[in-house]
Amino acid sequence: MSKEGERYAAELTRLEAKRKELEDTLGRLARDEDEMERVMELAQDVQQVEQEVESARAAAEMEKNDMTDETVTKRAARNMANVDGQLDDLAKSIQTEGETLEAAYVRALDTDMGKSMLRTREEAHALATGRVTEADVQKARASLID
């Protein structure tokens, strides 16, 4: 091969290497772009989750602030009324023919369900009147253990 042919062959080899290098760079750029798009999607997901967390915190704070003494008292009174109604229903459901409602009520209070309802009513009454509740006692016990 002549010197000029060798020079053209060398130039062709150099240009092919340069083309290959440019193709590789273009491929890396495409991958980088895909990765960048994925990172942007993840950043948007993180931002959305952060907004949801902030909303949940705000809702929890609002609920916490809503638990004023008056609100607790009203809710406790409502719970006592609900328990009274449930106890009445329980007594009526176990009342036998010819038995007075009072006797059925006493029997209802002796059942596990009746005892549980009575404890619930007592806790609601304690909350409504500002007395010590079972939860207060448990917190005090826990603080003594620590």
N, C-alpha and C. Protein backbone atom coordinates (compact mmCIF):
# COMPACT_ATOMS: atom_id res chain seq x y z
N MET A 1 0.85 -1.15 0.00
CA MET A 1 0.00 0.00 0.00
C MET A 1 0.91 1.23 0.00
N SER A 2 0.44 2.27 -0.69
CA SER A 2 1.24 3.48 -0.78
C SER A 2 1.16 4.28 0.50
N LYS A 3 2.07 5.26 0.60
CA LYS A 3 2.07 6.08 1.80
C LYS A 3 0.76 6.82 1.95
N GLU A 4 0.23 7.26 0.86
CA GLU A 4 -1.06 7.97 0.93
C GLU A 4 -2.17 7.02 1.33
N GLY A 5 -2.15 5.80 0.87
CA GLY A 5 -3.15 4.79 1.26
C GLY A 5 -3.05 4.47 2.74
N GLU A 6 -1.79 4.39 3.22
CA GLU A 6 -1.60 4.13 4.64
C GLU A 6 -2.13 5.29 5.48
N ARG A 7 -1.88 6.49 4.98
CA ARG A 7 -2.36 7.67 5.69
C ARG A 7 -3.88 7.69 5.73
N TYR A 8 -4.54 7.35 4.63
CA TYR A 8 -6.01 7.29 4.61
C TYR A 8 -6.53 6.19 5.53
N ALA A 9 -5.84 5.07 5.57
CA ALA A 9 -6.24 3.96 6.44
C ALA A 9 -6.10 4.36 7.90
N ALA A 10 -5.00 5.04 8.22
CA ALA A 10 -4.79 5.50 9.59
C ALA A 10 -5.86 6.54 9.97
N GLU A 11 -6.14 7.43 9.04
CA GLU A 11 -7.19 8.45 9.29
C GLU A 11 -8.54 7.79 9.47
N LEU A 12 -8.83 6.78 8.67
CA LEU A 12 -10.09 6.05 8.78
C LEU A 12 -10.18 5.35 10.14
N THR A 13 -9.09 4.73 10.58
CA THR A 13 -9.07 4.06 11.88
C THR A 13 -9.29 5.08 13.00
N ARG A 14 -8.61 6.24 12.90
CA ARG A 14 -8.77 7.28 13.91
C ARG A 14 -10.20 7.80 13.93
N LEU A 15 -10.79 7.99 12.76
CA LEU A 15 -12.16 8.49 12.69
C LEU A 15 -13.16 7.46 13.20
N GLU A 16 -12.91 6.19 12.91
CA GLU A 16 -13.80 5.14 13.43
C GLU A 16 -13.72 5.08 14.95
N ALA A 17 -12.52 5.22 15.51
CA ALA A 17 -12.35 5.24 16.97
C ALA A 17 -13.07 6.45 17.56
N LYS A 18 -12.92 7.59 16.89
CA LYS A 18 -13.60 8.81 17.35
C LYS A 18 -15.11 8.63 17.30
N ARG A 19 -15.61 8.02 16.21
CA ARG A 19 -17.05 7.74 16.08
C ARG A 19 -17.53 6.82 17.20
N LYS A 20 -16.74 5.79 17.48
CA LYS A 20 -17.10 4.85 18.55
C LYS A 20 -17.12 5.58 19.90
N GLU A 21 -16.16 6.44 20.13
CA GLU A 21 -16.10 7.22 21.37
C GLU A 21 -17.32 8.13 21.49
N LEU A 22 -17.70 8.77 20.39
CA LEU A 22 -18.88 9.64 20.40
C LEU A 22 -20.16 8.85 20.62
N GLU A 23 -20.27 7.66 20.02
CA GLU A 23 -21.43 6.82 20.23
C GLU A 23 -21.53 6.39 21.69
N ASP A 24 -20.40 6.02 22.30
CA ASP A 24 -20.38 5.64 23.72
C ASP A 24 -20.81 6.81 24.59
N THR A 25 -20.29 7.99 24.28
CA THR A 25 -20.64 9.19 25.05
C THR A 25 -22.14 9.47 24.91
N LEU A 26 -22.67 9.33 23.71
CA LEU A 26 -24.09 9.55 23.48
C LEU A 26 -24.91 8.53 24.27
N GLY A 27 -24.47 7.29 24.31
CA GLY A 27 -25.16 6.25 25.09
C GLY A 27 -25.15 6.58 26.58
N ARG A 28 -23.98 7.05 27.08
CA ARG A 28 -23.89 7.44 28.50
C ARG A 28 -24.82 8.62 28.79
N LEU A 29 -24.87 9.55 27.87
CA LEU A 29 -25.76 10.71 28.06
C LEU A 29 -27.22 10.27 28.12
N ALA A 30 -27.59 9.32 27.26
CA ALA A 30 -28.97 8.82 27.25
C ALA A 30 -29.27 8.12 28.58
N ARG A 31 -28.32 7.31 29.07
CA ARG A 31 -28.51 6.65 30.37
C ARG A 31 -28.58 7.68 31.49
N ASP A 32 -27.70 8.66 31.42
CA ASP A 32 -27.71 9.72 32.44
C ASP A 32 -29.04 10.47 32.42
N GLU A 33 -29.56 10.70 31.23
CA GLU A 33 -30.85 11.39 31.11
C GLU A 33 -31.97 10.54 31.71
N ASP A 34 -31.95 9.23 31.43
CA ASP A 34 -32.95 8.33 32.02
C ASP A 34 -32.83 8.33 33.54
N GLU A 35 -31.59 8.27 34.04
CA GLU A 35 -31.38 8.29 35.48
C GLU A 35 -31.86 9.61 36.08
N MET A 36 -31.59 10.71 35.37
CA MET A 36 -32.02 12.01 35.85
C MET A 36 -33.54 12.08 35.91
N GLU A 37 -34.21 11.54 34.91
CA GLU A 37 -35.67 11.53 34.92
C GLU A 37 -36.18 10.70 36.10
N ARG A 38 -35.55 9.57 36.36
CA ARG A 38 -35.95 8.71 37.48
C ARG A 38 -35.71 9.44 38.81
N VAL A 39 -34.58 10.13 38.91
CA VAL A 39 -34.30 10.90 40.12
C VAL A 39 -35.34 11.99 40.31
N MET A 40 -35.73 12.64 39.24
CA MET A 40 -36.76 13.68 39.33
C MET A 40 -38.10 13.09 39.77
N GLU A 41 -38.45 11.91 39.25
CA GLU A 41 -39.68 11.24 39.68
C GLU A 41 -39.62 10.89 41.16
N LEU A 42 -38.48 10.36 41.59
CA LEU A 42 -38.32 10.03 43.00
C LEU A 42 -38.39 11.28 43.87
N ALA A 43 -37.81 12.36 43.42
CA ALA A 43 -37.86 13.62 44.18
C ALA A 43 -39.30 14.10 44.31
N GLN A 44 -40.07 13.96 43.25
CA GLN A 44 -41.48 14.34 43.32
C GLN A 44 -42.23 13.43 44.29
N ASP A 45 -41.92 12.12 44.27
CA ASP A 45 -42.56 11.19 45.21
C ASP A 45 -42.21 11.56 46.65
N VAL A 46 -40.95 11.88 46.88
CA VAL A 46 -40.52 12.27 48.23
C VAL A 46 -41.24 13.54 48.66
N GLN A 47 -41.35 14.49 47.77
CA GLN A 47 -42.03 15.74 48.09
C GLN A 47 -43.50 15.48 48.42
N GLN A 48 -44.15 14.60 47.68
CA GLN A 48 -45.55 14.28 47.94
C GLN A 48 -45.70 13.60 49.30
N VAL A 49 -44.80 12.65 49.61
CA VAL A 49 -44.85 11.98 50.90
C VAL A 49 -44.62 12.98 52.03
N GLU A 50 -43.68 13.91 51.84
CA GLU A 50 -43.43 14.93 52.86
C GLU A 50 -44.67 15.79 53.09
N GLN A 51 -45.38 16.11 52.02
CA GLN A 51 -46.61 16.88 52.16
C GLN A 51 -47.66 16.08 52.92
N GLU A 52 -47.77 14.79 52.62
CA GLU A 52 -48.73 13.94 53.32
C GLU A 52 -48.39 13.84 54.80
N VAL A 53 -47.09 13.70 55.10
CA VAL A 53 -46.66 13.64 56.50
C VAL A 53 -46.99 14.94 57.20
N GLU A 54 -46.73 16.05 56.54
CA GLU A 54 -47.03 17.35 57.14
C GLU A 54 -48.52 17.51 57.38
N SER A 55 -49.34 17.04 56.44
CA SER A 55 -50.79 17.10 56.61
C SER A 55 -51.22 16.23 57.79
N ALA A 56 -50.63 15.05 57.90
CA ALA A 56 -50.97 14.16 59.01
C ALA A 56 -50.56 14.78 60.34
N ARG A 57 -49.38 15.41 60.37
CA ARG A 57 -48.94 16.07 61.60
C ARG A 57 -49.89 17.21 61.97
N ALA A 58 -50.28 17.97 60.97
CA ALA A 58 -51.20 19.08 61.23
C ALA A 58 -52.54 18.57 61.75
N ALA A 59 -53.03 17.48 61.16
CA ALA A 59 -54.29 16.90 61.62
C ALA A 59 -54.16 16.38 63.05
N ALA A 60 -53.04 15.74 63.35
CA ALA A 60 -52.83 15.23 64.71
C ALA A 60 -52.73 16.38 65.70
N GLU A 61 -52.04 17.44 65.31
CA GLU A 61 -51.93 18.60 66.19
C GLU A 61 -53.28 19.25 66.42
N MET A 62 -54.08 19.32 65.35
CA MET A 62 -55.41 19.90 65.47
C MET A 62 -56.27 19.05 66.41
N GLU A 63 -56.17 17.72 66.26
CA GLU A 63 -56.93 16.82 67.13
C GLU A 63 -56.47 16.97 68.58
N LYS A 64 -55.15 17.08 68.76
CA LYS A 64 -54.61 17.24 70.11
C LYS A 64 -55.12 18.55 70.73
N ASN A 65 -55.11 19.60 69.94
CA ASN A 65 -55.58 20.89 70.44
C ASN A 65 -57.08 20.90 70.66
N ASP A 66 -57.79 20.03 69.95
CA ASP A 66 -59.24 19.96 70.07
C ASP A 66 -59.67 19.27 71.36
N MET A 67 -58.75 18.57 72.00
CA MET A 67 -59.09 17.82 73.21
C MET A 67 -59.04 18.72 74.45
N THR A 68 -59.82 19.76 74.44
CA THR A 68 -59.90 20.63 75.61
C THR A 68 -60.71 19.93 76.69
N ASP A 69 -60.68 20.49 77.89
CA ASP A 69 -61.43 19.89 78.99
C ASP A 69 -62.91 19.80 78.66
N GLU A 70 -63.43 20.84 78.02
CA GLU A 70 -64.86 20.86 77.67
C GLU A 70 -65.18 19.75 76.67
N THR A 71 -64.30 19.57 75.68
CA THR A 71 -64.52 18.53 74.68
C THR A 71 -64.46 17.14 75.33
N VAL A 72 -63.49 16.93 76.20
CA VAL A 72 -63.36 15.64 76.89
C VAL A 72 -64.61 15.38 77.73
N THR A 73 -65.08 16.40 78.43
CA THR A 73 -66.26 16.24 79.27
C THR A 73 -67.48 15.88 78.42
N LYS A 74 -67.65 16.56 77.29
CA LYS A 74 -68.80 16.28 76.42
C LYS A 74 -68.71 14.86 75.85
N ARG A 75 -67.53 14.48 75.42
CA ARG A 75 -67.37 13.14 74.84
C ARG A 75 -67.58 12.06 75.91
N ALA A 76 -67.08 12.33 77.11
CA ALA A 76 -67.27 11.36 78.19
C ALA A 76 -68.75 11.22 78.54
N ALA A 77 -69.48 12.34 78.59
CA ALA A 77 -70.92 12.27 78.87
C ALA A 77 -71.64 11.49 77.78
N ARG A 78 -71.23 11.69 76.53
CA ARG A 78 -71.84 10.94 75.41
C ARG A 78 -71.54 9.45 75.56
N ASN A 79 -70.31 9.13 75.94
CA ASN A 79 -69.95 7.72 76.14
C ASN A 79 -70.76 7.10 77.26
N MET A 80 -70.96 7.84 78.35
CA MET A 80 -71.76 7.30 79.47
C MET A 80 -73.18 7.01 79.00
N ALA A 81 -73.75 7.92 78.23
CA ALA A 81 -75.12 7.71 77.72
C ALA A 81 -75.16 6.49 76.80
N ASN A 82 -74.14 6.33 75.96
CA ASN A 82 -74.09 5.17 75.06
C ASN A 82 -73.99 3.87 75.85
N VAL A 83 -73.15 3.87 76.87
CA VAL A 83 -73.00 2.66 77.70
C VAL A 83 -74.30 2.36 78.42
N ASP A 84 -74.96 3.38 78.93
CA ASP A 84 -76.25 3.15 79.60
C ASP A 84 -77.24 2.49 78.65
N GLY A 85 -77.29 2.98 77.41
CA GLY A 85 -78.18 2.39 76.41
C GLY A 85 -77.81 0.96 76.10
N GLN A 86 -76.51 0.69 76.00
CA GLN A 86 -76.06 -0.67 75.71
C GLN A 86 -76.36 -1.62 76.87
N LEU A 87 -76.20 -1.12 78.08
CA LEU A 87 -76.55 -1.95 79.24
C LEU A 87 -78.04 -2.27 79.26
N ASP A 88 -78.86 -1.28 78.94
CA ASP A 88 -80.30 -1.51 78.85
C ASP A 88 -80.61 -2.58 77.79
N ASP A 89 -79.96 -2.45 76.63
CA ASP A 89 -80.18 -3.42 75.55
C ASP A 89 -79.74 -4.82 75.98
N LEU A 90 -78.60 -4.89 76.67
CA LEU A 90 -78.11 -6.18 77.14
C LEU A 90 -79.11 -6.80 78.13
N ALA A 91 -79.60 -5.97 79.06
CA ALA A 91 -80.56 -6.47 80.05
C ALA A 91 -81.83 -6.97 79.36
N LYS A 92 -82.33 -6.24 78.39
CA LYS A 92 -83.54 -6.64 77.67
C LYS A 92 -83.31 -7.92 76.88
N SER A 93 -82.06 -8.08 76.36
CA SER A 93 -81.80 -9.27 75.54
C SER A 93 -81.71 -10.53 76.39
N ILE A 94 -81.34 -10.42 77.67
CA ILE A 94 -81.24 -11.62 78.52
C ILE A 94 -82.45 -11.78 79.43
N GLN A 95 -83.38 -10.83 79.39
CA GLN A 95 -84.56 -10.89 80.24
C GLN A 95 -85.41 -12.10 79.86
N THR A 96 -85.78 -12.86 80.85
CA THR A 96 -86.62 -14.03 80.60
C THR A 96 -88.08 -13.64 80.83
N GLU A 97 -88.94 -14.47 80.36
CA GLU A 97 -90.38 -14.20 80.49
C GLU A 97 -90.76 -14.18 81.96
N GLY A 98 -91.44 -13.13 82.35
CA GLY A 98 -91.90 -12.99 83.72
C GLY A 98 -90.86 -12.34 84.64
N GLU A 99 -89.65 -12.11 84.17
CA GLU A 99 -88.61 -11.49 84.97
C GLU A 99 -88.70 -9.98 84.84
N THR A 100 -88.46 -9.29 85.92
CA THR A 100 -88.49 -7.82 85.85
C THR A 100 -87.23 -7.33 85.14
N LEU A 101 -87.32 -6.14 84.59
CA LEU A 101 -86.17 -5.55 83.91
C LEU A 101 -85.03 -5.31 84.90
N GLU A 102 -85.39 -4.94 86.11
CA GLU A 102 -84.36 -4.69 87.13
C GLU A 102 -83.56 -5.97 87.43
N ALA A 103 -84.24 -7.10 87.54
CA ALA A 103 -83.57 -8.37 87.80
C ALA A 103 -82.68 -8.75 86.63
N ALA A 104 -83.16 -8.53 85.42
CA ALA A 104 -82.37 -8.82 84.22
C ALA A 104 -81.16 -7.88 84.16
N TYR A 105 -81.34 -6.65 84.61
CA TYR A 105 -80.26 -5.66 84.62
C TYR A 105 -79.15 -6.11 85.57
N VAL A 106 -79.55 -6.60 86.75
CA VAL A 106 -78.57 -7.10 87.73
C VAL A 106 -77.81 -8.29 87.14
N ARG A 107 -78.52 -9.19 86.46
CA ARG A 107 -77.86 -10.34 85.83
C ARG A 107 -76.93 -9.87 84.71
N ALA A 108 -77.37 -8.85 83.97
CA ALA A 108 -76.54 -8.32 82.87
C ALA A 108 -75.23 -7.75 83.41
N LEU A 109 -75.31 -7.08 84.56
CA LEU A 109 -74.09 -6.52 85.15
C LEU A 109 -73.12 -7.60 85.63
N ASP A 110 -73.62 -8.78 85.88
CA ASP A 110 -72.77 -9.89 86.33
C ASP A 110 -72.07 -10.60 85.17
N THR A 111 -72.48 -10.32 83.93
CA THR A 111 -71.83 -10.96 82.78
C THR A 111 -70.50 -10.25 82.49
N ASP A 112 -69.62 -10.93 81.76
CA ASP A 112 -68.34 -10.30 81.37
C ASP A 112 -68.58 -9.03 80.57
N MET A 113 -69.55 -9.10 79.66
CA MET A 113 -69.87 -7.94 78.83
C MET A 113 -70.37 -6.79 79.71
N GLY A 114 -71.23 -7.11 80.65
CA GLY A 114 -71.78 -6.10 81.55
C GLY A 114 -70.69 -5.47 82.40
N LYS A 115 -69.79 -6.30 82.91
CA LYS A 115 -68.68 -5.78 83.72
C LYS A 115 -67.79 -4.86 82.89
N SER A 116 -67.54 -5.24 81.67
CA SER A 116 -66.72 -4.42 80.78
C SER A 116 -67.41 -3.08 80.50
N MET A 117 -68.71 -3.13 80.25
CA MET A 117 -69.46 -1.90 80.00
C MET A 117 -69.45 -1.00 81.24
N LEU A 118 -69.57 -1.60 82.40
CA LEU A 118 -69.58 -0.83 83.64
C LEU A 118 -68.23 -0.15 83.86
N ARG A 119 -67.13 -0.87 83.57
CA ARG A 119 -65.80 -0.25 83.69
C ARG A 119 -65.66 0.91 82.71
N THR A 120 -66.17 0.74 81.51
CA THR A 120 -66.13 1.81 80.51
C THR A 120 -66.90 3.02 81.00
N ARG A 121 -68.07 2.77 81.57
CA ARG A 121 -68.89 3.87 82.09
C ARG A 121 -68.18 4.58 83.24
N GLU A 122 -67.54 3.81 84.11
CA GLU A 122 -66.81 4.41 85.24
C GLU A 122 -65.65 5.28 84.75
N GLU A 123 -64.94 4.82 83.73
CA GLU A 123 -63.85 5.61 83.16
C GLU A 123 -64.39 6.90 82.53
N ALA A 124 -65.51 6.79 81.82
CA ALA A 124 -66.11 7.98 81.21
C ALA A 124 -66.56 8.96 82.29
N HIS A 125 -67.10 8.44 83.37
CA HIS A 125 -67.54 9.30 84.48
C HIS A 125 -66.33 9.99 85.12
N ALA A 126 -65.25 9.25 85.29
CA ALA A 126 -64.03 9.85 85.86
C ALA A 126 -63.50 10.96 84.95
N LEU A 127 -63.51 10.73 83.65
CA LEU A 127 -63.07 11.77 82.71
C LEU A 127 -63.98 12.99 82.78
N ALA A 128 -65.28 12.75 82.85
CA ALA A 128 -66.24 13.85 82.86
C ALA A 128 -66.14 14.69 84.13
N THR A 129 -65.78 14.05 85.23
CA THR A 129 -65.74 14.77 86.51
C THR A 129 -64.32 15.16 86.92
N GLY A 130 -63.33 14.82 86.10
CA GLY A 130 -61.97 15.21 86.40
C GLY A 130 -61.28 14.34 87.43
N ARG A 131 -61.84 13.19 87.71
CA ARG A 131 -61.23 12.27 88.67
C ARG A 131 -60.12 11.46 88.00
N VAL A 132 -59.41 10.69 88.79
CA VAL A 132 -58.32 9.85 88.29
C VAL A 132 -58.91 8.68 87.50
N THR A 133 -58.33 8.43 86.34
CA THR A 133 -58.78 7.31 85.49
C THR A 133 -57.78 6.17 85.59
N GLU A 134 -58.16 5.03 85.05
CA GLU A 134 -57.26 3.88 85.03
C GLU A 134 -56.00 4.21 84.22
N ALA A 135 -56.14 4.97 83.15
CA ALA A 135 -54.97 5.37 82.35
C ALA A 135 -54.01 6.21 83.18
N ASP A 136 -54.54 7.10 84.03
CA ASP A 136 -53.69 7.90 84.92
C ASP A 136 -52.93 7.00 85.88
N VAL A 137 -53.61 6.00 86.41
CA VAL A 137 -52.96 5.08 87.35
C VAL A 137 -51.85 4.30 86.63
N GLN A 138 -52.10 3.85 85.42
CA GLN A 138 -51.09 3.10 84.67
C GLN A 138 -49.88 3.97 84.37
N LYS A 139 -50.10 5.24 84.01
CA LYS A 139 -48.98 6.15 83.77
C LYS A 139 -48.16 6.35 85.04
N ALA A 140 -48.85 6.49 86.16
CA ALA A 140 -48.15 6.67 87.43
C ALA A 140 -47.33 5.43 87.77
N ARG A 141 -47.89 4.26 87.56
CA ARG A 141 -47.15 3.02 87.81
C ARG A 141 -45.92 2.93 86.93
N ALA A 142 -46.10 3.27 85.66
CA ALA A 142 -44.98 3.21 84.71
C ALA A 142 -43.88 4.19 85.11
N SER A 143 -44.25 5.36 85.60
CA SER A 143 -43.23 6.34 85.99
C SER A 143 -42.49 5.87 87.24
N LEU A 144 -43.14 5.09 88.09
CA LEU A 144 -42.47 4.57 89.27
C LEU A 144 -41.45 3.49 88.91
N ILE A 145 -41.76 2.75 87.87
CA ILE A 145 -40.88 1.66 87.42
C ILE A 145 -39.62 2.23 86.77
N ASP A 146 -39.77 3.32 86.05
CA ASP A 146 -38.63 3.91 85.35
C ASP A 146 -37.62 4.48 86.25
